[in-house]
Amino acid sequence: MKRLLSHHELAMLLVLFSSPGQIALPDPDITGLQQESLVEFVTTPESGGWRLTADGVEIARRIEHLMRS
């Protein structure tokens, strides 16, 4: 990760972590996360949507752990 994420981007990361595939429309926060290689757009025969990359999952898990502490 090259830069700090905004609070909107962090929130979007957690939304995607807890509810994958729920955000289908382009969003400025998604664009920033995509540029940082934390999310990717995937298509399936049924639909398409955003999902976290392995790095995105790791960051979301760390945030969730900090929120529980």
N, C-alpha and C. Protein backbone atom coordinates (compact mmCIF):
# COMPACT_ATOMS: atom_id res chain seq x y z
N MET A 1 0.84 -1.16 0.00
CA MET A 1 0.00 0.00 0.00
C MET A 1 0.89 1.23 0.00
N LYS A 2 0.59 2.15 -0.89
CA LYS A 2 1.45 3.32 -1.07
C LYS A 2 0.99 4.54 -0.30
N ARG A 3 -0.26 4.56 0.13
CA ARG A 3 -0.80 5.73 0.81
C ARG A 3 -1.76 5.31 1.90
N LEU A 4 -2.08 6.25 2.78
CA LEU A 4 -3.09 5.98 3.80
C LEU A 4 -4.47 6.00 3.16
N LEU A 5 -5.34 5.14 3.61
CA LEU A 5 -6.70 5.10 3.10
C LEU A 5 -7.57 6.11 3.84
N SER A 6 -8.53 6.68 3.13
CA SER A 6 -9.47 7.60 3.77
C SER A 6 -10.43 6.79 4.64
N HIS A 7 -11.14 7.49 5.51
CA HIS A 7 -12.11 6.78 6.36
C HIS A 7 -13.23 6.20 5.51
N HIS A 8 -13.56 6.82 4.39
CA HIS A 8 -14.57 6.27 3.49
C HIS A 8 -14.07 4.97 2.85
N GLU A 9 -12.81 4.96 2.45
CA GLU A 9 -12.23 3.76 1.85
C GLU A 9 -12.14 2.62 2.86
N LEU A 10 -11.78 2.95 4.09
CA LEU A 10 -11.73 1.92 5.14
C LEU A 10 -13.12 1.34 5.38
N ALA A 11 -14.12 2.20 5.41
CA ALA A 11 -15.49 1.72 5.61
C ALA A 11 -15.91 0.83 4.44
N MET A 12 -15.59 1.22 3.22
CA MET A 12 -15.93 0.42 2.05
C MET A 12 -15.22 -0.93 2.11
N LEU A 13 -13.99 -0.94 2.55
CA LEU A 13 -13.24 -2.19 2.70
C LEU A 13 -13.96 -3.13 3.66
N LEU A 14 -14.45 -2.59 4.78
CA LEU A 14 -15.15 -3.42 5.76
C LEU A 14 -16.50 -3.89 5.24
N VAL A 15 -17.18 -3.05 4.46
CA VAL A 15 -18.45 -3.47 3.86
C VAL A 15 -18.21 -4.64 2.93
N LEU A 16 -17.20 -4.54 2.09
CA LEU A 16 -16.90 -5.64 1.16
C LEU A 16 -16.44 -6.89 1.90
N PHE A 17 -15.77 -6.71 3.02
CA PHE A 17 -15.31 -7.85 3.81
C PHE A 17 -16.48 -8.60 4.43
N SER A 18 -17.47 -7.84 4.92
CA SER A 18 -18.59 -8.48 5.60
C SER A 18 -19.71 -8.88 4.64
N SER A 19 -19.81 -8.23 3.49
CA SER A 19 -20.88 -8.51 2.52
C SER A 19 -20.33 -8.51 1.10
N PRO A 20 -19.52 -9.49 0.75
CA PRO A 20 -18.92 -9.48 -0.59
C PRO A 20 -19.97 -9.50 -1.69
N GLY A 21 -19.69 -8.78 -2.75
CA GLY A 21 -20.58 -8.77 -3.90
C GLY A 21 -21.77 -7.85 -3.78
N GLN A 22 -21.87 -7.07 -2.70
CA GLN A 22 -23.03 -6.22 -2.50
C GLN A 22 -22.93 -4.87 -3.21
N ILE A 23 -21.74 -4.48 -3.61
CA ILE A 23 -21.54 -3.18 -4.25
C ILE A 23 -21.18 -3.42 -5.71
N ALA A 24 -22.07 -3.05 -6.59
CA ALA A 24 -21.86 -3.30 -8.01
C ALA A 24 -21.55 -2.03 -8.79
N LEU A 25 -21.99 -0.89 -8.30
CA LEU A 25 -21.80 0.35 -9.04
C LEU A 25 -20.41 0.93 -8.79
N PRO A 26 -19.87 1.63 -9.78
CA PRO A 26 -18.59 2.31 -9.54
C PRO A 26 -18.75 3.35 -8.43
N ASP A 27 -17.75 3.48 -7.63
CA ASP A 27 -17.77 4.39 -6.50
C ASP A 27 -16.35 4.95 -6.35
N PRO A 28 -16.18 6.22 -6.05
CA PRO A 28 -14.83 6.78 -5.91
C PRO A 28 -13.99 6.03 -4.88
N ASP A 29 -14.62 5.56 -3.81
CA ASP A 29 -13.88 4.82 -2.79
C ASP A 29 -13.41 3.47 -3.32
N ILE A 30 -14.22 2.84 -4.14
CA ILE A 30 -13.82 1.57 -4.76
C ILE A 30 -12.64 1.80 -5.69
N THR A 31 -12.68 2.90 -6.44
CA THR A 31 -11.60 3.20 -7.38
C THR A 31 -10.27 3.32 -6.64
N GLY A 32 -10.29 4.03 -5.51
CA GLY A 32 -9.07 4.16 -4.71
C GLY A 32 -8.57 2.83 -4.19
N LEU A 33 -9.50 1.98 -3.74
CA LEU A 33 -9.11 0.66 -3.25
C LEU A 33 -8.57 -0.21 -4.39
N GLN A 34 -9.14 -0.05 -5.57
CA GLN A 34 -8.66 -0.81 -6.72
C GLN A 34 -7.25 -0.36 -7.11
N GLN A 35 -7.00 0.92 -7.05
CA GLN A 35 -5.67 1.44 -7.37
C GLN A 35 -4.62 0.92 -6.40
N GLU A 36 -5.03 0.66 -5.18
CA GLU A 36 -4.11 0.11 -4.17
C GLU A 36 -4.07 -1.42 -4.20
N SER A 37 -4.77 -2.03 -5.15
CA SER A 37 -4.83 -3.49 -5.32
C SER A 37 -5.43 -4.19 -4.10
N LEU A 38 -6.43 -3.53 -3.50
CA LEU A 38 -7.11 -4.12 -2.35
C LEU A 38 -8.45 -4.73 -2.74
N VAL A 39 -8.99 -4.34 -3.90
CA VAL A 39 -10.22 -4.92 -4.42
C VAL A 39 -10.05 -5.18 -5.91
N GLU A 40 -10.89 -6.06 -6.42
CA GLU A 40 -10.90 -6.35 -7.85
C GLU A 40 -12.33 -6.61 -8.28
N PHE A 41 -12.62 -6.34 -9.54
CA PHE A 41 -13.95 -6.60 -10.09
C PHE A 41 -13.92 -7.96 -10.74
N VAL A 42 -14.86 -8.80 -10.38
CA VAL A 42 -14.93 -10.14 -10.94
C VAL A 42 -16.29 -10.32 -11.62
N THR A 43 -16.28 -11.09 -12.68
CA THR A 43 -17.53 -11.40 -13.36
C THR A 43 -17.73 -12.90 -13.36
N THR A 44 -18.96 -13.28 -13.17
CA THR A 44 -19.35 -14.68 -13.24
C THR A 44 -20.46 -14.77 -14.29
N PRO A 45 -20.81 -15.94 -14.71
CA PRO A 45 -21.90 -16.05 -15.68
C PRO A 45 -23.20 -15.41 -15.19
N GLU A 46 -23.42 -15.41 -13.88
CA GLU A 46 -24.66 -14.86 -13.31
C GLU A 46 -24.59 -13.35 -13.13
N SER A 47 -23.44 -12.82 -12.72
CA SER A 47 -23.35 -11.39 -12.40
C SER A 47 -21.89 -10.97 -12.27
N GLY A 48 -21.70 -9.77 -11.82
CA GLY A 48 -20.36 -9.26 -11.56
C GLY A 48 -20.38 -8.45 -10.29
N GLY A 49 -19.23 -8.28 -9.69
CA GLY A 49 -19.17 -7.49 -8.47
C GLY A 49 -17.75 -7.35 -7.96
N TRP A 50 -17.62 -6.57 -6.93
CA TRP A 50 -16.32 -6.30 -6.32
C TRP A 50 -16.03 -7.31 -5.23
N ARG A 51 -14.76 -7.67 -5.10
CA ARG A 51 -14.33 -8.53 -3.99
C ARG A 51 -12.94 -8.09 -3.55
N LEU A 52 -12.62 -8.42 -2.33
CA LEU A 52 -11.32 -8.08 -1.78
C LEU A 52 -10.24 -9.00 -2.34
N THR A 53 -9.06 -8.44 -2.53
CA THR A 53 -7.90 -9.26 -2.86
C THR A 53 -7.36 -9.83 -1.55
N ALA A 54 -6.34 -10.63 -1.63
CA ALA A 54 -5.73 -11.19 -0.41
C ALA A 54 -5.22 -10.07 0.48
N ASP A 55 -4.62 -9.03 -0.09
CA ASP A 55 -4.15 -7.90 0.71
C ASP A 55 -5.32 -7.16 1.35
N GLY A 56 -6.41 -7.00 0.60
CA GLY A 56 -7.59 -6.35 1.15
C GLY A 56 -8.18 -7.11 2.32
N VAL A 57 -8.23 -8.42 2.21
CA VAL A 57 -8.73 -9.27 3.30
C VAL A 57 -7.85 -9.12 4.53
N GLU A 58 -6.55 -9.11 4.33
CA GLU A 58 -5.62 -8.98 5.46
C GLU A 58 -5.82 -7.66 6.19
N ILE A 59 -5.96 -6.58 5.46
CA ILE A 59 -6.16 -5.27 6.09
C ILE A 59 -7.51 -5.24 6.81
N ALA A 60 -8.55 -5.76 6.19
CA ALA A 60 -9.87 -5.78 6.82
C ALA A 60 -9.85 -6.61 8.10
N ARG A 61 -9.15 -7.72 8.09
CA ARG A 61 -9.05 -8.55 9.31
C ARG A 61 -8.33 -7.81 10.43
N ARG A 62 -7.29 -7.07 10.06
CA ARG A 62 -6.55 -6.31 11.07
C ARG A 62 -7.43 -5.21 11.67
N ILE A 63 -8.18 -4.53 10.82
CA ILE A 63 -9.08 -3.47 11.30
C ILE A 63 -10.13 -4.08 12.23
N GLU A 64 -10.72 -5.17 11.80
CA GLU A 64 -11.73 -5.84 12.62
C GLU A 64 -11.17 -6.26 13.97
N HIS A 65 -9.95 -6.77 13.97
CA HIS A 65 -9.30 -7.18 15.21
C HIS A 65 -9.10 -5.97 16.14
N LEU A 66 -8.67 -4.84 15.57
CA LEU A 66 -8.47 -3.64 16.37
C LEU A 66 -9.79 -3.13 16.94
N MET A 67 -10.86 -3.27 16.18
CA MET A 67 -12.16 -2.79 16.65
C MET A 67 -12.68 -3.65 17.80
N ARG A 68 -12.29 -4.90 17.86
CA ARG A 68 -12.73 -5.80 18.93
C ARG A 68 -11.90 -5.62 20.21
N SER A 69 -10.70 -5.08 20.05
CA SER A 69 -9.80 -4.95 21.21
C SER A 69 -10.22 -3.85 22.14
